[in-house]
Amino acid sequence: MSEVFKIIDFVYQVYFYMILIYVLMSWVPAVKTSFVGELLGKIVEPYLSIFRRFIPPIGGILDISPIIALIALQFVVMGLKTVLDVFV
């Protein structure tokens, strides 16, 4: 079971940093339009768009939906690990 938890933690950390890098890349438009930026966008944007539908930018400028998305992702991982721990 410990190996499964390690895999879940690894995948969570990779996706967490992908979201973080994608958000930081949004500050530099030239980087966001690069190959890496577009690739990250295809992987991360479907998840972030769920939160952007419900959380409007503050003042029309500050988008806090990635913060909420990362918190939600952490809760999902904790829940998944709890379920696996109980049932397996």
PDB file of N, CA and C in Angstrom:
ATOM      1  N   MET A   1       0.828  -1.199   0.000  1.00  0.00           N
ATOM      2  CA  MET A   1       0.000   0.000   0.000  1.00  0.00           C
ATOM      3  C   MET A   1       0.866   1.253   0.000  1.00  0.00           C
ATOM      4  N   SER A   2       1.979   1.176   0.656  1.00  0.00           N
ATOM      5  CA  SER A   2       2.880   2.308   0.732  1.00  0.00           C
ATOM      6  C   SER A   2       3.361   2.746  -0.655  1.00  0.00           C
ATOM      7  N   GLU A   3       3.567   1.791  -1.543  1.00  0.00           N
ATOM      8  CA  GLU A   3       4.004   2.120  -2.909  1.00  0.00           C
ATOM      9  C   GLU A   3       2.923   2.887  -3.665  1.00  0.00           C
ATOM     10  N   VAL A   4       1.675   2.520  -3.458  1.00  0.00           N
ATOM     11  CA  VAL A   4       0.568   3.227  -4.102  1.00  0.00           C
ATOM     12  C   VAL A   4       0.509   4.667  -3.607  1.00  0.00           C
ATOM     13  N   PHE A   5       0.698   4.864  -2.318  1.00  0.00           N
ATOM     14  CA  PHE A   5       0.702   6.211  -1.758  1.00  0.00           C
ATOM     15  C   PHE A   5       1.856   7.036  -2.319  1.00  0.00           C
ATOM     16  N   LYS A   6       3.000   6.414  -2.506  1.00  0.00           N
ATOM     17  CA  LYS A   6       4.144   7.123  -3.087  1.00  0.00           C
ATOM     18  C   LYS A   6       3.849   7.561  -4.515  1.00  0.00           C
ATOM     19  N   ILE A   7       3.179   6.696  -5.273  1.00  0.00           N
ATOM     20  CA  ILE A   7       2.814   7.043  -6.652  1.00  0.00           C
ATOM     21  C   ILE A   7       1.811   8.189  -6.659  1.00  0.00           C
ATOM     22  N   ILE A   8       0.814   8.117  -5.782  1.00  0.00           N
ATOM     23  CA  ILE A   8      -0.179   9.186  -5.696  1.00  0.00           C
ATOM     24  C   ILE A   8       0.495  10.502  -5.318  1.00  0.00           C
ATOM     25  N   ASP A   9       1.386  10.466  -4.344  1.00  0.00           N
ATOM     26  CA  ASP A   9       2.102  11.676  -3.939  1.00  0.00           C
ATOM     27  C   ASP A   9       2.956  12.234  -5.066  1.00  0.00           C
ATOM     28  N   PHE A  10       3.609  11.354  -5.811  1.00  0.00           N
ATOM     29  CA  PHE A  10       4.454  11.804  -6.924  1.00  0.00           C
ATOM     30  C   PHE A  10       3.616  12.485  -8.004  1.00  0.00           C
ATOM     31  N   VAL A  11       2.511  11.850  -8.376  1.00  0.00           N
ATOM     32  CA  VAL A  11       1.639  12.425  -9.414  1.00  0.00           C
ATOM     33  C   VAL A  11       1.062  13.756  -8.935  1.00  0.00           C
ATOM     34  N   TYR A  12       0.680  13.812  -7.666  1.00  0.00           N
ATOM     35  CA  TYR A  12       0.163  15.065  -7.104  1.00  0.00           C
ATOM     36  C   TYR A  12       1.212  16.161  -7.180  1.00  0.00           C
ATOM     37  N   GLN A  13       2.443  15.864  -6.776  1.00  0.00           N
ATOM     38  CA  GLN A  13       3.498  16.878  -6.789  1.00  0.00           C
ATOM     39  C   GLN A  13       3.810  17.353  -8.203  1.00  0.00           C
ATOM     40  N   VAL A  14       3.844  16.439  -9.145  1.00  0.00           N
ATOM     41  CA  VAL A  14       4.112  16.820 -10.533  1.00  0.00           C
ATOM     42  C   VAL A  14       3.016  17.755 -11.038  1.00  0.00           C
ATOM     43  N   TYR A  15       1.752  17.390 -10.811  1.00  0.00           N
ATOM     44  CA  TYR A  15       0.644  18.222 -11.285  1.00  0.00           C
ATOM     45  C   TYR A  15       0.598  19.556 -10.550  1.00  0.00           C
ATOM     46  N   PHE A  16       0.910  19.549  -9.259  1.00  0.00           N
ATOM     47  CA  PHE A  16       0.970  20.781  -8.476  1.00  0.00           C
ATOM     48  C   PHE A  16       1.977  21.756  -9.102  1.00  0.00           C
ATOM     49  N   TYR A  17       3.175  21.253  -9.393  1.00  0.00           N
ATOM     50  CA  TYR A  17       4.199  22.126  -9.972  1.00  0.00           C
ATOM     51  C   TYR A  17       3.867  22.528 -11.406  1.00  0.00           C
ATOM     52  N   MET A  18       3.167  21.681 -12.124  1.00  0.00           N
ATOM     53  CA  MET A  18       2.735  22.063 -13.470  1.00  0.00           C
ATOM     54  C   MET A  18       1.769  23.247 -13.395  1.00  0.00           C
ATOM     55  N   ILE A  19       0.837  23.195 -12.463  1.00  0.00           N
ATOM     56  CA  ILE A  19      -0.102  24.306 -12.291  1.00  0.00           C
ATOM     57  C   ILE A  19       0.651  25.557 -11.854  1.00  0.00           C
ATOM     58  N   LEU A  20       1.556  25.414 -10.913  1.00  0.00           N
ATOM     59  CA  LEU A  20       2.322  26.556 -10.416  1.00  0.00           C
ATOM     60  C   LEU A  20       3.146  27.206 -11.532  1.00  0.00           C
ATOM     61  N   ILE A  21       3.816  26.406 -12.309  1.00  0.00           N
ATOM     62  CA  ILE A  21       4.617  26.939 -13.417  1.00  0.00           C
ATOM     63  C   ILE A  21       3.727  27.605 -14.450  1.00  0.00           C
ATOM     64  N   TYR A  22       2.584  26.998 -14.737  1.00  0.00           N
ATOM     65  CA  TYR A  22       1.657  27.578 -15.713  1.00  0.00           C
ATOM     66  C   TYR A  22       1.156  28.942 -15.246  1.00  0.00           C
ATOM     67  N   VAL A  23       0.857  29.062 -13.970  1.00  0.00           N
ATOM     68  CA  VAL A  23       0.397  30.343 -13.431  1.00  0.00           C
ATOM     69  C   VAL A  23       1.517  31.382 -13.506  1.00  0.00           C
ATOM     70  N   LEU A  24       2.721  30.995 -13.146  1.00  0.00           N
ATOM     71  CA  LEU A  24       3.853  31.933 -13.221  1.00  0.00           C
ATOM     72  C   LEU A  24       4.151  32.324 -14.660  1.00  0.00           C
ATOM     73  N   MET A  25       3.952  31.396 -15.583  1.00  0.00           N
ATOM     74  CA  MET A  25       4.183  31.699 -16.996  1.00  0.00           C
ATOM     75  C   MET A  25       3.188  32.715 -17.533  1.00  0.00           C
ATOM     76  N   SER A  26       2.034  32.822 -16.900  1.00  0.00           N
ATOM     77  CA  SER A  26       1.033  33.779 -17.376  1.00  0.00           C
ATOM     78  C   SER A  26       1.504  35.219 -17.189  1.00  0.00           C
ATOM     79  N   TRP A  27       2.492  35.434 -16.351  1.00  0.00           N
ATOM     80  CA  TRP A  27       3.038  36.774 -16.160  1.00  0.00           C
ATOM     81  C   TRP A  27       3.936  37.190 -17.319  1.00  0.00           C
ATOM     82  N   VAL A  28       4.409  36.217 -18.087  1.00  0.00           N
ATOM     83  CA  VAL A  28       5.281  36.508 -19.226  1.00  0.00           C
ATOM     84  C   VAL A  28       4.611  35.927 -20.478  1.00  0.00           C
ATOM     85  N   PRO A  29       3.873  36.739 -21.206  1.00  0.00           N
ATOM     86  CA  PRO A  29       3.089  36.217 -22.340  1.00  0.00           C
ATOM     87  C   PRO A  29       3.923  35.487 -23.402  1.00  0.00           C
ATOM     88  N   ALA A  30       5.162  35.909 -23.621  1.00  0.00           N
ATOM     89  CA  ALA A  30       5.987  35.253 -24.632  1.00  0.00           C
ATOM     90  C   ALA A  30       6.298  33.811 -24.240  1.00  0.00           C
ATOM     91  N   VAL A  31       6.447  33.550 -22.977  1.00  0.00           N
ATOM     92  CA  VAL A  31       6.742  32.197 -22.502  1.00  0.00           C
ATOM     93  C   VAL A  31       5.488  31.330 -22.580  1.00  0.00           C
ATOM     94  N   LYS A  32       4.338  31.925 -22.307  1.00  0.00           N
ATOM     95  CA  LYS A  32       3.081  31.169 -22.329  1.00  0.00           C
ATOM     96  C   LYS A  32       2.731  30.694 -23.741  1.00  0.00           C
ATOM     97  N   THR A  33       3.187  31.412 -24.748  1.00  0.00           N
ATOM     98  CA  THR A  33       2.901  31.015 -26.129  1.00  0.00           C
ATOM     99  C   THR A  33       3.965  30.082 -26.700  1.00  0.00           C
ATOM    100  N   SER A  34       4.963  29.738 -25.902  1.00  0.00           N
ATOM    101  CA  SER A  34       5.992  28.811 -26.358  1.00  0.00           C
ATOM    102  C   SER A  34       5.440  27.386 -26.369  1.00  0.00           C
ATOM    103  N   PHE A  35       6.227  26.461 -26.873  1.00  0.00           N
ATOM    104  CA  PHE A  35       5.800  25.061 -26.933  1.00  0.00           C
ATOM    105  C   PHE A  35       5.478  24.522 -25.544  1.00  0.00           C
ATOM    106  N   VAL A  36       6.356  24.804 -24.590  1.00  0.00           N
ATOM    107  CA  VAL A  36       6.147  24.327 -23.216  1.00  0.00           C
ATOM    108  C   VAL A  36       4.894  24.960 -22.622  1.00  0.00           C
ATOM    109  N   GLY A  37       4.699  26.250 -22.855  1.00  0.00           N
ATOM    110  CA  GLY A  37       3.518  26.934 -22.336  1.00  0.00           C
ATOM    111  C   GLY A  37       2.232  26.365 -22.901  1.00  0.00           C
ATOM    112  N   GLU A  38       2.233  26.089 -24.196  1.00  0.00           N
ATOM    113  CA  GLU A  38       1.038  25.518 -24.814  1.00  0.00           C
ATOM    114  C   GLU A  38       0.801  24.093 -24.333  1.00  0.00           C
ATOM    115  N   LEU A  39       1.857  23.326 -24.143  1.00  0.00           N
ATOM    116  CA  LEU A  39       1.719  21.962 -23.639  1.00  0.00           C
ATOM    117  C   LEU A  39       1.153  21.969 -22.216  1.00  0.00           C
ATOM    118  N   LEU A  40       1.702  22.827 -21.367  1.00  0.00           N
ATOM    119  CA  LEU A  40       1.180  22.945 -20.006  1.00  0.00           C
ATOM    120  C   LEU A  40      -0.270  23.409 -20.015  1.00  0.00           C
ATOM    121  N   GLY A  41      -0.595  24.313 -20.920  1.00  0.00           N
ATOM    122  CA  GLY A  41      -1.968  24.793 -21.031  1.00  0.00           C
ATOM    123  C   GLY A  41      -2.939  23.674 -21.366  1.00  0.00           C
ATOM    124  N   LYS A  42      -2.542  22.791 -22.263  1.00  0.00           N
ATOM    125  CA  LYS A  42      -3.413  21.672 -22.640  1.00  0.00           C
ATOM    126  C   LYS A  42      -3.608  20.696 -21.490  1.00  0.00           C
ATOM    127  N   ILE A  43      -2.626  20.588 -20.622  1.00  0.00           N
ATOM    128  CA  ILE A  43      -2.710  19.646 -19.505  1.00  0.00           C
ATOM    129  C   ILE A  43      -3.411  20.273 -18.297  1.00  0.00           C
ATOM    130  N   VAL A  44      -3.137  21.535 -18.021  1.00  0.00           N
ATOM    131  CA  VAL A  44      -3.586  22.184 -16.790  1.00  0.00           C
ATOM    132  C   VAL A  44      -4.904  22.945 -16.964  1.00  0.00           C
ATOM    133  N   GLU A  45      -5.102  23.547 -18.110  1.00  0.00           N
ATOM    134  CA  GLU A  45      -6.256  24.424 -18.311  1.00  0.00           C
ATOM    135  C   GLU A  45      -7.612  23.729 -18.143  1.00  0.00           C
ATOM    136  N   PRO A  46      -7.787  22.472 -18.574  1.00  0.00           N
ATOM    137  CA  PRO A  46      -9.096  21.839 -18.328  1.00  0.00           C
ATOM    138  C   PRO A  46      -9.458  21.767 -16.845  1.00  0.00           C
ATOM    139  N   TYR A  47      -8.480  21.524 -16.003  1.00  0.00           N
ATOM    140  CA  TYR A  47      -8.731  21.477 -14.548  1.00  0.00           C
ATOM    141  C   TYR A  47      -8.996  22.875 -14.002  1.00  0.00           C
ATOM    142  N   LEU A  48      -8.190  23.851 -14.409  1.00  0.00           N
ATOM    143  CA  LEU A  48      -8.364  25.215 -13.909  1.00  0.00           C
ATOM    144  C   LEU A  48      -9.660  25.844 -14.402  1.00  0.00           C
ATOM    145  N   SER A  49     -10.100  25.487 -15.587  1.00  0.00           N
ATOM    146  CA  SER A  49     -11.311  26.099 -16.139  1.00  0.00           C
ATOM    147  C   SER A  49     -12.547  25.769 -15.313  1.00  0.00           C
ATOM    148  N   ILE A  50     -12.536  24.633 -14.637  1.00  0.00           N
ATOM    149  CA  ILE A  50     -13.648  24.272 -13.751  1.00  0.00           C
ATOM    150  C   ILE A  50     -13.804  25.333 -12.663  1.00  0.00           C
ATOM    151  N   PHE A  51     -12.705  25.763 -12.098  1.00  0.00           N
ATOM    152  CA  PHE A  51     -12.741  26.741 -11.009  1.00  0.00           C
ATOM    153  C   PHE A  51     -12.951  28.156 -11.531  1.00  0.00           C
ATOM    154  N   ARG A  52     -12.467  28.438 -12.720  1.00  0.00           N
ATOM    155  CA  ARG A  52     -12.640  29.784 -13.290  1.00  0.00           C
ATOM    156  C   ARG A  52     -14.094  30.070 -13.622  1.00  0.00           C
ATOM    157  N   ARG A  53     -14.875  29.023 -13.855  1.00  0.00           N
ATOM    158  CA  ARG A  53     -16.308  29.239 -14.125  1.00  0.00           C
ATOM    159  C   ARG A  53     -17.024  29.772 -12.891  1.00  0.00           C
ATOM    160  N   PHE A  54     -16.582  29.393 -11.704  1.00  0.00           N
ATOM    161  CA  PHE A  54     -17.278  29.749 -10.480  1.00  0.00           C
ATOM    162  C   PHE A  54     -16.621  30.871  -9.698  1.00  0.00           C
ATOM    163  N   ILE A  55     -15.337  31.113  -9.946  1.00  0.00           N
ATOM    164  CA  ILE A  55     -14.604  32.121  -9.169  1.00  0.00           C
ATOM    165  C   ILE A  55     -14.128  33.221 -10.123  1.00  0.00           C
ATOM    166  N   PRO A  56     -14.813  34.359 -10.110  1.00  0.00           N
ATOM    167  CA  PRO A  56     -14.383  35.445 -11.004  1.00  0.00           C
ATOM    168  C   PRO A  56     -13.105  36.106 -10.487  1.00  0.00           C
ATOM    169  N   PRO A  57     -12.340  36.714 -11.380  1.00  0.00           N
ATOM    170  CA  PRO A  57     -11.138  37.440 -10.931  1.00  0.00           C
ATOM    171  C   PRO A  57     -11.516  38.597 -10.002  1.00  0.00           C
ATOM    172  N   ILE A  58     -10.692  38.816  -9.001  1.00  0.00           N
ATOM    173  CA  ILE A  58     -10.928  39.911  -8.057  1.00  0.00           C
ATOM    174  C   ILE A  58     -10.546  41.215  -8.734  1.00  0.00           C
ATOM    175  N   GLY A  59     -11.485  42.117  -8.794  1.00  0.00           N
ATOM    176  CA  GLY A  59     -11.234  43.405  -9.441  1.00  0.00           C
ATOM    177  C   GLY A  59     -11.005  43.277 -10.936  1.00  0.00           C
ATOM    178  N   GLY A  60     -11.367  42.143 -11.504  1.00  0.00           N
ATOM    179  CA  GLY A  60     -11.167  41.924 -12.931  1.00  0.00           C
ATOM    180  C   GLY A  60      -9.732  41.620 -13.312  1.00  0.00           C
ATOM    181  N   ILE A  61      -8.834  41.572 -12.342  1.00  0.00           N
ATOM    182  CA  ILE A  61      -7.413  41.393 -12.637  1.00  0.00           C
ATOM    183  C   ILE A  61      -6.822  40.162 -11.948  1.00  0.00           C
ATOM    184  N   LEU A  62      -7.053  40.023 -10.656  1.00  0.00           N
ATOM    185  CA  LEU A  62      -6.400  38.987  -9.855  1.00  0.00           C
ATOM    186  C   LEU A  62      -7.206  37.690  -9.876  1.00  0.00           C
ATOM    187  N   ASP A  63      -6.658  36.676 -10.513  1.00  0.00           N
ATOM    188  CA  ASP A  63      -7.315  35.377 -10.631  1.00  0.00           C
ATOM    189  C   ASP A  63      -6.839  34.468  -9.498  1.00  0.00           C
ATOM    190  N   ILE A  64      -7.731  34.202  -8.537  1.00  0.00           N
ATOM    191  CA  ILE A  64      -7.368  33.343  -7.409  1.00  0.00           C
ATOM    192  C   ILE A  64      -7.819  31.899  -7.611  1.00  0.00           C
ATOM    193  N   SER A  65      -8.412  31.611  -8.763  1.00  0.00           N
ATOM    194  CA  SER A  65      -8.907  30.246  -8.996  1.00  0.00           C
ATOM    195  C   SER A  65      -7.800  29.192  -8.951  1.00  0.00           C
ATOM    196  N   PRO A  66      -6.564  29.471  -9.388  1.00  0.00           N
ATOM    197  CA  PRO A  66      -5.520  28.444  -9.245  1.00  0.00           C
ATOM    198  C   PRO A  66      -5.224  28.088  -7.784  1.00  0.00           C
ATOM    199  N   ILE A  67      -5.339  29.054  -6.884  1.00  0.00           N
ATOM    200  CA  ILE A  67      -5.103  28.766  -5.474  1.00  0.00           C
ATOM    201  C   ILE A  67      -6.171  27.813  -4.960  1.00  0.00           C
ATOM    202  N   ILE A  68      -7.414  28.102  -5.295  1.00  0.00           N
ATOM    203  CA  ILE A  68      -8.520  27.237  -4.877  1.00  0.00           C
ATOM    204  C   ILE A  68      -8.390  25.866  -5.533  1.00  0.00           C
ATOM    205  N   ALA A  69      -7.956  25.842  -6.792  1.00  0.00           N
ATOM    206  CA  ALA A  69      -7.779  24.567  -7.501  1.00  0.00           C
ATOM    207  C   ALA A  69      -6.701  23.714  -6.835  1.00  0.00           C
ATOM    208  N   LEU A  70      -5.625  24.327  -6.399  1.00  0.00           N
ATOM    209  CA  LEU A  70      -4.559  23.580  -5.725  1.00  0.00           C
ATOM    210  C   LEU A  70      -5.022  23.053  -4.366  1.00  0.00           C
ATOM    211  N   ILE A  71      -5.795  23.852  -3.654  1.00  0.00           N
ATOM    212  CA  ILE A  71      -6.328  23.394  -2.372  1.00  0.00           C
ATOM    213  C   ILE A  71      -7.289  22.222  -2.590  1.00  0.00           C
ATOM    214  N   ALA A  72      -8.153  22.344  -3.599  1.00  0.00           N
ATOM    215  CA  ALA A  72      -9.091  21.262  -3.907  1.00  0.00           C
ATOM    216  C   ALA A  72      -8.349  19.998  -4.321  1.00  0.00           C
ATOM    217  N   LEU A  73      -7.292  20.160  -5.092  1.00  0.00           N
ATOM    218  CA  LEU A  73      -6.499  19.009  -5.514  1.00  0.00           C
ATOM    219  C   LEU A  73      -5.884  18.305  -4.303  1.00  0.00           C
ATOM    220  N   GLN A  74      -5.428  19.077  -3.355  1.00  0.00           N
ATOM    221  CA  GLN A  74      -4.853  18.485  -2.139  1.00  0.00           C
ATOM    222  C   GLN A  74      -5.922  17.705  -1.362  1.00  0.00           C
ATOM    223  N   PHE A  75      -7.129  18.250  -1.274  1.00  0.00           N
ATOM    224  CA  PHE A  75      -8.213  17.535  -0.588  1.00  0.00           C
ATOM    225  C   PHE A  75      -8.584  16.253  -1.322  1.00  0.00           C
ATOM    226  N   VAL A  76      -8.566  16.289  -2.643  1.00  0.00           N
ATOM    227  CA  VAL A  76      -8.872  15.083  -3.421  1.00  0.00           C
ATOM    228  C   VAL A  76      -7.829  14.003  -3.140  1.00  0.00           C
ATOM    229  N   VAL A  77      -6.575  14.392  -3.116  1.00  0.00           N
ATOM    230  CA  VAL A  77      -5.508  13.427  -2.850  1.00  0.00           C
ATOM    231  C   VAL A  77      -5.652  12.859  -1.439  1.00  0.00           C
ATOM    232  N   MET A  78      -5.919  13.711  -0.466  1.00  0.00           N
ATOM    233  CA  MET A  78      -6.102  13.227   0.904  1.00  0.00           C
ATOM    234  C   MET A  78      -7.292  12.278   0.986  1.00  0.00           C
ATOM    235  N   GLY A  79      -8.382  12.606   0.314  1.00  0.00           N
ATOM    236  CA  GLY A  79      -9.554  11.743   0.306  1.00  0.00           C
ATOM    237  C   GLY A  79      -9.284  10.413  -0.365  1.00  0.00           C
ATOM    238  N   LEU A  80      -8.583  10.455  -1.484  1.00  0.00           N
ATOM    239  CA  LEU A  80      -8.239   9.225  -2.196  1.00  0.00           C
ATOM    240  C   LEU A  80      -7.373   8.329  -1.331  1.00  0.00           C
ATOM    241  N   LYS A  81      -6.398   8.902  -0.659  1.00  0.00           N
ATOM    242  CA  LYS A  81      -5.529   8.108   0.217  1.00  0.00           C
ATOM    243  C   LYS A  81      -6.299   7.533   1.397  1.00  0.00           C
ATOM    244  N   THR A  82      -7.254   8.301   1.926  1.00  0.00           N
ATOM    245  CA  THR A  82      -8.071   7.806   3.029  1.00  0.00           C
ATOM    246  C   THR A  82      -8.940   6.645   2.589  1.00  0.00           C
ATOM    247  N   VAL A  83      -9.565   6.788   1.432  1.00  0.00           N
ATOM    248  CA  VAL A  83     -10.411   5.709   0.912  1.00  0.00           C
ATOM    249  C   VAL A  83      -9.585   4.466   0.644  1.00  0.00           C
ATOM    250  N   LEU A  84      -8.440   4.629   0.043  1.00  0.00           N
ATOM    251  CA  LEU A  84      -7.585   3.478  -0.231  1.00  0.00           C
ATOM    252  C   LEU A  84      -7.098   2.830   1.057  1.00  0.00           C
ATOM    253  N   ASP A  85      -6.822   3.628   2.054  1.00  0.00           N
ATOM    254  CA  ASP A  85      -6.355   3.100   3.333  1.00  0.00           C
ATOM    255  C   ASP A  85      -7.442   2.304   4.049  1.00  0.00           C
ATOM    256  N   VAL A  86      -8.675   2.749   3.924  1.00  0.00           N
ATOM    257  CA  VAL A  86      -9.786   2.098   4.609  1.00  0.00           C
ATOM    258  C   VAL A  86     -10.212   0.815   3.887  1.00  0.00           C
ATOM    259  N   PHE A  87     -10.311   0.878   2.557  1.00  0.00           N
ATOM    260  CA  PHE A  87     -10.885  -0.230   1.804  1.00  0.00           C
ATOM    261  C   PHE A  87      -9.879  -1.233   1.259  1.00  0.00           C
ATOM    262  N   VAL A  88      -8.625  -0.899   1.306  1.00  0.00           N
ATOM    263  CA  VAL A  88      -7.645  -1.839   0.733  1.00  0.00           C
ATOM    264  C   VAL A  88      -6.701  -2.339   1.784  1.00  0.00           C
TER     265      VAL A  88
END
